[in-house]
PDB file of N, CA and C in Angstrom:
ATOM      1  N   ILE A   1      99.763  93.192  99.379  1.00  0.00           N
ATOM      2  CA  ILE A   1     100.276  94.540  98.410  1.00  0.00           C
ATOM      3  C   ILE A   1     101.666  94.856  98.813  1.00  0.00           C
ATOM      4  N   GLN A   2     102.430  94.329  99.649  1.00  0.00           N
ATOM      5  CA  GLN A   2     103.769  94.373 100.174  1.00  0.00           C
ATOM      6  C   GLN A   2     104.578  93.378  99.044  1.00  0.00           C
ATOM      7  N   ALA A   3     103.932  91.903  99.021  1.00  0.00           N
ATOM      8  CA  ALA A   3     104.691  91.140  98.120  1.00  0.00           C
ATOM      9  C   ALA A   3     104.560  91.772  96.767  1.00  0.00           C
ATOM     10  N   LEU A   4     103.417  92.034  96.034  1.00  0.00           N
ATOM     11  CA  LEU A   4     103.461  92.709  95.077  1.00  0.00           C
ATOM     12  C   LEU A   4     104.277  93.874  94.488  1.00  0.00           C
ATOM     13  N   THR A   5     104.446  94.455  95.349  1.00  0.00           N
ATOM     14  CA  THR A   5     105.510  95.975  95.400  1.00  0.00           C
ATOM     15  C   THR A   5     106.741  95.360  95.499  1.00  0.00           C
ATOM     16  N   ALA A   6     107.264  94.263  96.250  1.00  0.00           N
ATOM     17  CA  ALA A   6     108.592  93.839  95.954  1.00  0.00           C
ATOM     18  C   ALA A   6     108.998  93.096  94.921  1.00  0.00           C
ATOM     19  N   ASP A   7     107.767  92.459  94.696  1.00  0.00           N
ATOM     20  CA  ASP A   7     108.451  91.875  93.360  1.00  0.00           C
ATOM     21  C   ASP A   7     108.396  92.602  91.963  1.00  0.00           C
ATOM     22  N   MET A   8     107.688  93.792  91.944  1.00  0.00           N
ATOM     23  CA  MET A   8     107.609  95.059  91.200  1.00  0.00           C
ATOM     24  C   MET A   8     109.084  95.772  91.201  1.00  0.00           C
ATOM     25  N   LYS A   9     109.398  95.894  92.240  1.00  0.00           N
ATOM     26  CA  LYS A   9     110.753  96.243  92.758  1.00  0.00           C
ATOM     27  C   LYS A   9     111.820  95.750  92.001  1.00  0.00           C
ATOM     28  N   LYS A  10     111.825  94.224  92.482  1.00  0.00           N
ATOM     29  CA  LYS A  10     112.991  93.506  92.033  1.00  0.00           C
ATOM     30  C   LYS A  10     112.973  93.650  90.170  1.00  0.00           C
ATOM     31  N   ARG A  11     111.947  93.140  89.723  1.00  0.00           N
ATOM     32  CA  ARG A  11     111.845  93.205  88.295  1.00  0.00           C
ATOM     33  C   ARG A  11     112.235  94.845  87.578  1.00  0.00           C
ATOM     34  N   HIS A  12     111.899  96.111  88.409  1.00  0.00           N
ATOM     35  CA  HIS A  12     112.159  97.004  88.007  1.00  0.00           C
ATOM     36  C   HIS A  12     113.639  97.273  87.294  1.00  0.00           C
ATOM     37  N   GLN A  13     114.373  96.442  88.385  1.00  0.00           N
ATOM     38  CA  GLN A  13     116.067  96.765  87.866  1.00  0.00           C
ATOM     39  C   GLN A  13     116.314  95.754  86.147  1.00  0.00           C
ATOM     40  N   LYS A  14     115.507  94.954  85.864  1.00  0.00           N
ATOM     41  CA  LYS A  14     115.679  94.282  84.792  1.00  0.00           C
ATOM     42  C   LYS A  14     114.655  95.119  83.661  1.00  0.00           C
ATOM     43  N   LEU A  15     113.811  95.927  84.138  1.00  0.00           N
ATOM     44  CA  LEU A  15     113.336  96.802  83.044  1.00  0.00           C
ATOM     45  C   LEU A  15     113.852  97.726  82.814  1.00  0.00           C
ATOM     46  N   LEU A  16     114.543  98.639  83.505  1.00  0.00           N
ATOM     47  CA  LEU A  16     115.008  99.770  83.491  1.00  0.00           C
ATOM     48  C   LEU A  16     116.030 100.167  82.084  1.00  0.00           C
ATOM     49  N   PRO A  17     116.803  99.375  82.103  1.00  0.00           N
ATOM     50  CA  PRO A  17     117.886  99.612  80.696  1.00  0.00           C
ATOM     51  C   PRO A  17     116.792  99.783  79.330  1.00  0.00           C
ATOM     52  N   HIS A  18     115.381  99.036  79.636  1.00  0.00           N
ATOM     53  CA  HIS A  18     114.661  98.947  78.504  1.00  0.00           C
ATOM     54  C   HIS A  18     113.497 100.143  78.312  1.00  0.00           C
ATOM     55  N   TYR A  19     113.217 100.359  79.581  1.00  0.00           N
ATOM     56  CA  TYR A  19     112.410 102.122  79.531  1.00  0.00           C
ATOM     57  C   TYR A  19     113.782 103.276  78.999  1.00  0.00           C
ATOM     58  N   ASN A  20     114.854 102.901  79.522  1.00  0.00           N
ATOM     59  CA  ASN A  20     116.152 104.018  79.176  1.00  0.00           C
ATOM     60  C   ASN A  20     116.119 103.827  77.712  1.00  0.00           C
ATOM     61  N   SER A  21     115.838 102.630  77.143  1.00  0.00           N
ATOM     62  CA  SER A  21     116.610 102.877  75.535  1.00  0.00           C
ATOM     63  C   SER A  21     114.935 103.273  74.921  1.00  0.00           C
ATOM     64  N   GLY A  22     114.222 103.444  75.202  1.00  0.00           N
ATOM     65  CA  GLY A  22     112.860 103.577  74.705  1.00  0.00           C
ATOM     66  C   GLY A  22     112.148 102.129  74.388  1.00  0.00           C
ATOM     67  N   ALA A  23     112.410 101.177  74.262  1.00  0.00           N
ATOM     68  CA  ALA A  23     111.901  99.665  74.115  1.00  0.00           C
ATOM     69  C   ALA A  23     110.412  99.716  74.924  1.00  0.00           C
ATOM     70  N   ILE A  24     110.503 100.057  76.212  1.00  0.00           N
ATOM     71  CA  ILE A  24     109.384  99.932  76.878  1.00  0.00           C
ATOM     72  C   ILE A  24     108.595 101.370  77.385  1.00  0.00           C
ATOM     73  N   GLY A  25     107.450 101.348  77.025  1.00  0.00           N
ATOM     74  CA  GLY A  25     106.739 103.002  77.445  1.00  0.00           C
ATOM     75  C   GLY A  25     105.724 102.101  78.447  1.00  0.00           C
ATOM     76  N   LEU A  26     105.126 103.639  78.805  1.00  0.00           N
ATOM     77  CA  LEU A  26     104.175 103.529  79.757  1.00  0.00           C
ATOM     78  C   LEU A  26     102.677 104.169  79.297  1.00  0.00           C
ATOM     79  N   THR A  27     101.763 103.299  79.483  1.00  0.00           N
ATOM     80  CA  THR A  27     100.566 103.555  79.092  1.00  0.00           C
ATOM     81  C   THR A  27      99.702 104.675  79.850  1.00  0.00           C
ATOM     82  N   ASN A  28      98.801 104.799  78.895  1.00  0.00           N
ATOM     83  CA  ASN A  28      97.719 105.579  79.913  1.00  0.00           C
ATOM     84  C   ASN A  28      96.978 104.823  80.629  1.00  0.00           C
ATOM     85  N   THR A  29      96.957 103.868  80.754  1.00  0.00           N
ATOM     86  CA  THR A  29      96.180 102.967  81.528  1.00  0.00           C
ATOM     87  C   THR A  29      96.911 102.386  82.431  1.00  0.00           C
ATOM     88  N   ALA A  30      98.006 102.816  82.934  1.00  0.00           N
ATOM     89  CA  ALA A  30      98.814 102.345  83.858  1.00  0.00           C
ATOM     90  C   ALA A  30      99.594 101.061  83.918  1.00  0.00           C
ATOM     91  N   LEU A  31      99.930 100.679  82.760  1.00  0.00           N
ATOM     92  CA  LEU A  31     100.351  99.256  82.491  1.00  0.00           C
ATOM     93  C   LEU A  31     101.653  99.959  81.365  1.00  0.00           C
ATOM     94  N   ILE A  32     102.685  98.917  81.238  1.00  0.00           N
ATOM     95  CA  ILE A  32     103.787  98.977  80.143  1.00  0.00           C
ATOM     96  C   ILE A  32     103.602  98.212  79.167  1.00  0.00           C
ATOM     97  N   VAL A  33     104.089  98.723  77.788  1.00  0.00           N
ATOM     98  CA  VAL A  33     103.933  97.706  76.324  1.00  0.00           C
ATOM     99  C   VAL A  33     105.505  97.813  75.896  1.00  0.00           C
ATOM    100  N   LEU A  34     105.556  96.840  74.752  1.00  0.00           N
ATOM    101  CA  LEU A  34     106.704  97.069  74.521  1.00  0.00           C
ATOM    102  C   LEU A  34     106.913  97.834  73.126  1.00  0.00           C
ATOM    103  N   HIS A  35     107.256  99.431  73.559  1.00  0.00           N
ATOM    104  CA  HIS A  35     107.125 100.312  72.746  1.00  0.00           C
ATOM    105  C   HIS A  35     107.946 100.649  71.193  1.00  0.00           C
ATOM    106  N   ASP A  36     109.061  99.973  71.326  1.00  0.00           N
ATOM    107  CA  ASP A  36     109.712 100.168  70.143  1.00  0.00           C
ATOM    108  C   ASP A  36     110.740  98.472  70.682  1.00  0.00           C
ATOM    109  N   VAL A  37     110.189  97.216  69.925  1.00  0.00           N
ATOM    110  CA  VAL A  37     110.650  95.853  70.328  1.00  0.00           C
ATOM    111  C   VAL A  37     112.228  95.879  69.630  1.00  0.00           C
ATOM    112  N   THR A  38     112.597  96.851  68.459  1.00  0.00           N
ATOM    113  CA  THR A  38     113.639  96.728  67.799  1.00  0.00           C
ATOM    114  C   THR A  38     114.958  97.298  68.755  1.00  0.00           C
ATOM    115  N   LYS A  39     114.426  98.095  69.779  1.00  0.00           N
ATOM    116  CA  LYS A  39     115.570  98.728  70.748  1.00  0.00           C
ATOM    117  C   LYS A  39     115.896  97.038  71.442  1.00  0.00           C
ATOM    118  N   VAL A  40     115.581  96.144  71.369  1.00  0.00           N
ATOM    119  CA  VAL A  40     115.631  95.107  72.442  1.00  0.00           C
ATOM    120  C   VAL A  40     116.460  93.852  71.803  1.00  0.00           C
ATOM    121  N   PRO A  41     117.852  93.550  71.888  1.00  0.00           N
ATOM    122  CA  PRO A  41     118.565  92.327  71.229  1.00  0.00           C
ATOM    123  C   PRO A  41     117.507  91.219  71.266  1.00  0.00           C
ATOM    124  N   LEU A  42     117.556  90.632  69.962  1.00  0.00           N
ATOM    125  CA  LEU A  42     116.749  89.560  69.826  1.00  0.00           C
ATOM    126  C   LEU A  42     117.105  88.435  70.899  1.00  0.00           C
ATOM    127  N   LYS A  43     117.995  88.074  71.338  1.00  0.00           N
ATOM    128  CA  LYS A  43     118.203  87.258  72.307  1.00  0.00           C
ATOM    129  C   LYS A  43     117.705  87.458  73.463  1.00  0.00           C
ATOM    130  N   SER A  44     117.025  88.597  73.669  1.00  0.00           N
ATOM    131  CA  SER A  44     116.414  89.210  75.035  1.00  0.00           C
ATOM    132  C   SER A  44     115.150  89.347  74.872  1.00  0.00           C
ATOM    133  N   ARG A  45     114.588  89.314  73.712  1.00  0.00           N
ATOM    134  CA  ARG A  45     113.020  89.791  73.488  1.00  0.00           C
ATOM    135  C   ARG A  45     111.975  88.730  73.895  1.00  0.00           C
ATOM    136  N   ASN A  46     112.154  87.692  73.845  1.00  0.00           N
ATOM    137  CA  ASN A  46     111.372  86.711  75.008  1.00  0.00           C
ATOM    138  C   ASN A  46     111.361  87.327  76.452  1.00  0.00           C
ATOM    139  N   ASP A  47     112.470  87.552  76.994  1.00  0.00           N
ATOM    140  CA  ASP A  47     112.688  87.854  78.794  1.00  0.00           C
ATOM    141  C   ASP A  47     112.229  88.892  79.031  1.00  0.00           C
ATOM    142  N   VAL A  48     112.465  90.334  78.102  1.00  0.00           N
ATOM    143  CA  VAL A  48     111.682  91.386  78.081  1.00  0.00           C
ATOM    144  C   VAL A  48     109.888  91.047  77.930  1.00  0.00           C
ATOM    145  N   LYS A  49     109.526  90.576  77.066  1.00  0.00           N
ATOM    146  CA  LYS A  49     107.971  90.249  76.886  1.00  0.00           C
ATOM    147  C   LYS A  49     107.608  89.700  77.814  1.00  0.00           C
ATOM    148  N   LYS A  50     108.372  88.736  78.620  1.00  0.00           N
ATOM    149  CA  LYS A  50     107.832  88.112  79.813  1.00  0.00           C
ATOM    150  C   LYS A  50     107.682  88.833  80.655  1.00  0.00           C
ATOM    151  N   TRP A  51     108.916  89.755  81.079  1.00  0.00           N
ATOM    152  CA  TRP A  51     108.799  90.818  82.383  1.00  0.00           C
ATOM    153  C   TRP A  51     107.766  91.567  82.012  1.00  0.00           C
ATOM    154  N   ALA A  52     107.326  92.340  80.955  1.00  0.00           N
ATOM    155  CA  ALA A  52     106.729  92.960  80.754  1.00  0.00           C
ATOM    156  C   ALA A  52     104.911  92.682  81.358  1.00  0.00           C
ATOM    157  N   THR A  53     105.249  91.119  80.663  1.00  0.00           N
ATOM    158  CA  THR A  53     103.721  90.584  80.895  1.00  0.00           C
ATOM    159  C   THR A  53     103.630  90.565  82.387  1.00  0.00           C
ATOM    160  N   GLU A  54     104.687  89.956  83.068  1.00  0.00           N
ATOM    161  CA  GLU A  54     104.420  89.713  84.853  1.00  0.00           C
ATOM    162  C   GLU A  54     104.140  91.219  85.458  1.00  0.00           C
ATOM    163  N   GLU A  55     105.024  92.128  84.826  1.00  0.00           N
ATOM    164  CA  GLU A  55     104.724  93.767  85.717  1.00  0.00           C
ATOM    165  C   GLU A  55     103.562  93.920  85.367  1.00  0.00           C
ATOM    166  N   ASN A  56     102.585  93.815  84.314  1.00  0.00           N
ATOM    167  CA  ASN A  56     101.180  94.184  83.999  1.00  0.00           C
ATOM    168  C   ASN A  56     100.522  93.385  85.039  1.00  0.00           C
ATOM    169  N   GLN A  57     100.626  91.958  85.231  1.00  0.00           N
ATOM    170  CA  GLN A  57      99.774  91.650  85.821  1.00  0.00           C
ATOM    171  C   GLN A  57      99.684  91.781  87.318  1.00  0.00           C
ATOM    172  N   ASP A  58     101.147  92.044  87.646  1.00  0.00           N
ATOM    173  CA  ASP A  58     101.309  92.512  89.148  1.00  0.00           C
ATOM    174  C   ASP A  58     100.323  94.107  89.339  1.00  0.00           C
ATOM    175  N   ARG A  59     100.717  94.921  88.344  1.00  0.00           N
ATOM    176  CA  ARG A  59     100.391  96.188  88.487  1.00  0.00           C
ATOM    177  C   ARG A  59      98.596  95.884  88.869  1.00  0.00           C
ATOM    178  N   LEU A  60      97.952  95.183  87.779  1.00  0.00           N
ATOM    179  CA  LEU A  60      96.594  94.952  87.916  1.00  0.00           C
ATOM    180  C   LEU A  60      96.072  94.355  89.110  1.00  0.00           C
ATOM    181  N   ASP A  61      96.854  93.303  89.775  1.00  0.00           N
ATOM    182  CA  ASP A  61      96.491  92.926  91.166  1.00  0.00           C
ATOM    183  C   ASP A  61      96.454  93.878  92.276  1.00  0.00           C
ATOM    184  N   LEU A  62      97.936  94.724  92.038  1.00  0.00           N
ATOM    185  CA  LEU A  62      98.096  95.758  92.900  1.00  0.00           C
ATOM    186  C   LEU A  62      96.993  96.731  93.017  1.00  0.00           C
ATOM    187  N   TYR A  63      96.252  97.123  91.986  1.00  0.00           N
ATOM    188  CA  TYR A  63      95.449  98.258  91.958  1.00  0.00           C
ATOM    189  C   TYR A  63      94.113  97.626  92.326  1.00  0.00           C
ATOM    190  N   ARG A  64      93.956  96.273  92.315  1.00  0.00           N
ATOM    191  CA  ARG A  64      92.686  95.513  92.797  1.00  0.00           C
ATOM    192  C   ARG A  64      92.752  95.322  94.401  1.00  0.00           C
ATOM    193  N   GLU A  65      94.245  95.193  94.829  1.00  0.00           N
ATOM    194  CA  GLU A  65      94.403  94.670  96.405  1.00  0.00           C
ATOM    195  C   GLU A  65      94.296  96.313  97.173  1.00  0.00           C
ATOM    196  N   ILE A  66      94.559  97.150  96.352  1.00  0.00           N
ATOM    197  CA  ILE A  66      94.627  98.530  97.104  1.00  0.00           C
ATOM    198  C   ILE A  66      93.245  99.048  97.243  1.00  0.00           C
ATOM    199  N   ALA A  67      92.264  98.646  96.140  1.00  0.00           N
ATOM    200  CA  ALA A  67      90.937  98.874  96.209  1.00  0.00           C
ATOM    201  C   ALA A  67      90.018  98.043  97.566  1.00  0.00           C
ATOM    202  N   VAL A  68      90.448  96.658  97.494  1.00  0.00           N
ATOM    203  CA  VAL A  68      89.945  95.754  98.430  1.00  0.00           C
ATOM    204  C   VAL A  68      90.820  96.204  99.854  1.00  0.00           C
ATOM    205  N   ALA A  69      91.477  96.448 100.043  1.00  0.00           N
ATOM    206  CA  ALA A  69      92.049  96.842 101.152  1.00  0.00           C
ATOM    207  C   ALA A  69      91.608  97.929 101.579  1.00  0.00           C
ATOM    208  N   ASN A  70      90.997  98.892 101.055  1.00  0.00           N
ATOM    209  CA  ASN A  70      90.395 100.233 101.391  1.00  0.00           C
ATOM    210  C   ASN A  70      89.105  99.653 101.367  1.00  0.00           C
ATOM    211  N   GLY A  71      88.425  98.628 101.597  1.00  0.00           N
ATOM    212  CA  GLY A  71      87.037  98.658 101.555  1.00  0.00           C
ATOM    213  C   GLY A  71      86.029  98.911 100.470  1.00  0.00           C
ATOM    214  N   HIS A  72      86.745  99.518  99.024  1.00  0.00           N
ATOM    215  CA  HIS A  72      85.878  99.609  98.401  1.00  0.00           C
ATOM    216  C   HIS A  72      86.503  99.299  96.850  1.00  0.00           C
ATOM    217  N   PRO A  73      86.172  97.959  96.518  1.00  0.00           N
ATOM    218  CA  PRO A  73      86.703  97.452  95.645  1.00  0.00           C
ATOM    219  C   PRO A  73      86.333  98.274  94.142  1.00  0.00           C
ATOM    220  N   GLU A  74      84.944  98.800  94.420  1.00  0.00           N
ATOM    221  CA  GLU A  74      84.408  99.558  93.177  1.00  0.00           C
ATOM    222  C   GLU A  74      85.424 100.878  92.840  1.00  0.00           C
ATOM    223  N   TRP A  75      86.693 101.146  93.463  1.00  0.00           N
ATOM    224  CA  TRP A  75      87.556 102.104  93.134  1.00  0.00           C
ATOM    225  C   TRP A  75      88.649 101.646  92.083  1.00  0.00           C
ATOM    226  N   GLU A  76      88.480 100.605  92.238  1.00  0.00           N
ATOM    227  CA  GLU A  76      89.682  99.999  91.386  1.00  0.00           C
ATOM    228  C   GLU A  76      89.802 100.720  90.196  1.00  0.00           C
ATOM    229  N   ALA A  77      89.250 101.229  89.279  1.00  0.00           N
ATOM    230  CA  ALA A  77      89.316 101.925  88.089  1.00  0.00           C
ATOM    231  C   ALA A  77      90.125 103.540  88.716  1.00  0.00           C
ATOM    232  N   ASP A  78      89.287 104.098  89.315  1.00  0.00           N
ATOM    233  CA  ASP A  78      90.151 104.968  89.718  1.00  0.00           C
ATOM    234  C   ASP A  78      91.483 105.303  90.219  1.00  0.00           C
ATOM    235  N   ILE A  79      91.457 104.130  91.201  1.00  0.00           N
ATOM    236  CA  ILE A  79      93.009 103.953  92.022  1.00  0.00           C
ATOM    237  C   ILE A  79      93.879 103.751  90.584  1.00  0.00           C
ATOM    238  N   ARG A  80      93.248 102.701  89.503  1.00  0.00           N
ATOM    239  CA  ARG A  80      94.513 102.720  88.319  1.00  0.00           C
ATOM    240  C   ARG A  80      94.494 103.810  87.610  1.00  0.00           C
ATOM    241  N   ALA A  81      93.646 105.034  87.519  1.00  0.00           N
ATOM    242  CA  ALA A  81      93.783 106.214  86.734  1.00  0.00           C
ATOM    243  C   ALA A  81      94.924 107.005  87.413  1.00  0.00           C
ATOM    244  N   THR A  82      94.843 107.073  89.042  1.00  0.00           N
ATOM    245  CA  THR A  82      95.635 107.652  89.813  1.00  0.00           C
ATOM    246  C   THR A  82      97.221 107.006  89.354  1.00  0.00           C
ATOM    247  N   PHE A  83      97.319 105.805  89.581  1.00  0.00           N
ATOM    248  CA  PHE A  83      98.566 105.246  89.264  1.00  0.00           C
ATOM    249  C   PHE A  83      99.041 105.372  87.602  1.00  0.00           C
ATOM    250  N   ALA A  84      98.152 105.686  86.671  1.00  0.00           N
ATOM    251  CA  ALA A  84      98.769 106.065  85.666  1.00  0.00           C
ATOM    252  C   ALA A  84      99.489 107.167  85.368  1.00  0.00           C
ATOM    253  N   THR A  85      98.425 108.397  86.155  1.00  0.00           N
ATOM    254  CA  THR A  85      99.442 109.678  86.323  1.00  0.00           C
ATOM    255  C   THR A  85     100.671 109.406  86.863  1.00  0.00           C
ATOM    256  N   ARG A  86     100.640 108.821  88.070  1.00  0.00           N
ATOM    257  CA  ARG A  86     101.809 108.759  88.819  1.00  0.00           C
ATOM    258  C   ARG A  86     103.138 108.297  88.236  1.00  0.00           C
ATOM    259  N   TRP A  87     102.665 107.289  87.484  1.00  0.00           N
ATOM    260  CA  TRP A  87     103.554 106.419  87.148  1.00  0.00           C
ATOM    261  C   TRP A  87     104.518 107.258  85.908  1.00  0.00           C
ATOM    262  N   ILE A  88     103.526 108.108  84.997  1.00  0.00           N
ATOM    263  CA  ILE A  88     103.679 109.073  84.030  1.00  0.00           C
ATOM    264  C   ILE A  88     104.700 110.238  84.221  1.00  0.00           C
ATOM    265  N   ASP A  89     103.977 111.009  85.509  1.00  0.00           N
ATOM    266  CA  ASP A  89     104.723 112.140  86.262  1.00  0.00           C
ATOM    267  C   ASP A  89     106.076 111.884  86.456  1.00  0.00           C
ATOM    268  N   ARG A  90     106.489 110.483  87.002  1.00  0.00           N
ATOM    269  CA  ARG A  90     107.807 109.923  87.616  1.00  0.00           C
ATOM    270  C   ARG A  90     108.399 109.531  86.511  1.00  0.00           C
ATOM    271  N   ALA A  91     108.429 109.297  85.661  1.00  0.00           N
ATOM    272  CA  ALA A  91     109.006 108.520  84.614  1.00  0.00           C
ATOM    273  C   ALA A  91     110.483 109.526  84.004  1.00  0.00           C
ATOM    274  N   ALA A  92     111.601 108.961  83.967  1.00  0.00           N
ATOM    275  CA  ALA A  92     112.837 109.697  83.811  1.00  0.00           C
ATOM    276  C   ALA A  92     112.850 109.929  82.670  1.00  0.00           C
ATOM    277  N   GLU A  93     113.710 111.337  82.346  1.00  0.00           N
ATOM    278  CA  GLU A  93     113.674 111.676  81.186  1.00  0.00           C
ATOM    279  C   GLU A  93     114.265 111.203  79.877  1.00  0.00           C
ATOM    280  N   GLY A  94     113.842 111.122  78.694  1.00  0.00           N
ATOM    281  CA  GLY A  94     114.076 109.817  77.752  1.00  0.00           C
ATOM    282  C   GLY A  94     113.093 108.974  77.515  1.00  0.00           C
ATOM    283  N   TRP A  95     112.304 108.637  78.637  1.00  0.00           N
ATOM    284  CA  TRP A  95     111.255 107.582  78.607  1.00  0.00           C
ATOM    285  C   TRP A  95     109.942 107.750  77.969  1.00  0.00           C
ATOM    286  N   TRP A  96     109.455 106.733  77.339  1.00  0.00           N
ATOM    287  CA  TRP A  96     108.170 107.250  76.265  1.00  0.00           C
ATOM    288  C   TRP A  96     107.167 106.812  77.316  1.00  0.00           C
ATOM    289  N   TYR A  97     105.706 107.730  76.957  1.00  0.00           N
ATOM    290  CA  TYR A  97     104.642 107.366  77.617  1.00  0.00           C
ATOM    291  C   TYR A  97     103.673 107.815  76.921  1.00  0.00           C
ATOM    292  N   GLN A  98     102.379 107.555  76.665  1.00  0.00           N
ATOM    293  CA  GLN A  98     101.057 108.091  76.322  1.00  0.00           C
ATOM    294  C   GLN A  98     100.527 108.959  76.702  1.00  0.00           C
ATOM    295  N   ASP A  99     100.023 109.982  76.383  1.00  0.00           N
ATOM    296  CA  ASP A  99      99.148 111.219  76.849  1.00  0.00           C
ATOM    297  C   ASP A  99      97.705 110.913  77.054  1.00  0.00           C
ATOM    298  N   GLU A 100      96.938 111.610  77.496  1.00  0.00           N
ATOM    299  CA  GLU A 100      95.463 111.380  77.862  1.00  0.00           C
ATOM    300  C   GLU A 100      94.763 110.678  76.605  1.00  0.00           C
ATOM    301  N   GLU A 101      95.316 111.197  75.380  1.00  0.00           N
ATOM    302  CA  GLU A 101      94.737 110.917  74.042  1.00  0.00           C
ATOM    303  C   GLU A 101      95.522 109.746  73.324  1.00  0.00           C
ATOM    304  N   GLY A 102      96.239 109.117  74.084  1.00  0.00           N
ATOM    305  CA  GLY A 102      96.887 107.588  73.249  1.00  0.00           C
ATOM    306  C   GLY A 102      98.096 107.733  72.597  1.00  0.00           C
ATOM    307  N   LYS A 103      98.460 109.441  72.309  1.00  0.00           N
ATOM    308  CA  LYS A 103      99.458 109.513  71.868  1.00  0.00           C
ATOM    309  C   LYS A 103     101.014 109.518  72.182  1.00  0.00           C
ATOM    310  N   TRP A 104     101.977 108.861  71.636  1.00  0.00           N
ATOM    311  CA  TRP A 104     103.056 108.294  72.252  1.00  0.00           C
ATOM    312  C   TRP A 104     104.013 110.033  72.469  1.00  0.00           C
ATOM    313  N   LYS A 105     104.713 110.248  73.598  1.00  0.00           N
ATOM    314  CA  LYS A 105     105.434 111.405  73.815  1.00  0.00           C
ATOM    315  C   LYS A 105     106.799 110.784  74.484  1.00  0.00           C
ATOM    316  N   GLN A 106     107.849 111.689  74.005  1.00  0.00           N
ATOM    317  CA  GLN A 106     108.857 111.075  75.071  1.00  0.00           C
ATOM    318  C   GLN A 106     109.208 112.285  76.170  1.00  0.00           C
ATOM    319  N   ARG A 107     109.302 111.837  77.374  1.00  0.00           N
ATOM    320  CA  ARG A 107     109.821 112.633  78.500  1.00  0.00           C
ATOM    321  C   ARG A 107     110.957 113.514  78.479  1.00  0.00           C
TER     322      ARG A 107
END
């Protein structure tokens, strides 16, 4: 869990400008997506896509590992739902996120 969160923290610095620009949005399933790829310079798109893929894999691994560490692997979906709410609640002003119905909104 510590290794995953450390990697995510490092990657966040690379992703932050793309959250701020609106290129990346937070999903209601506790992942991230390219919300508006046109906000990413062409020369950087492959890197941003790669970082988003890595971030999503680490997030999925984190939810699973937290459930396993608590001795309840069946809690993974509940943990993921909790994190979805938490990520969105902590989103900075101007960031894009999906509401419960999957509609995009800007904080």
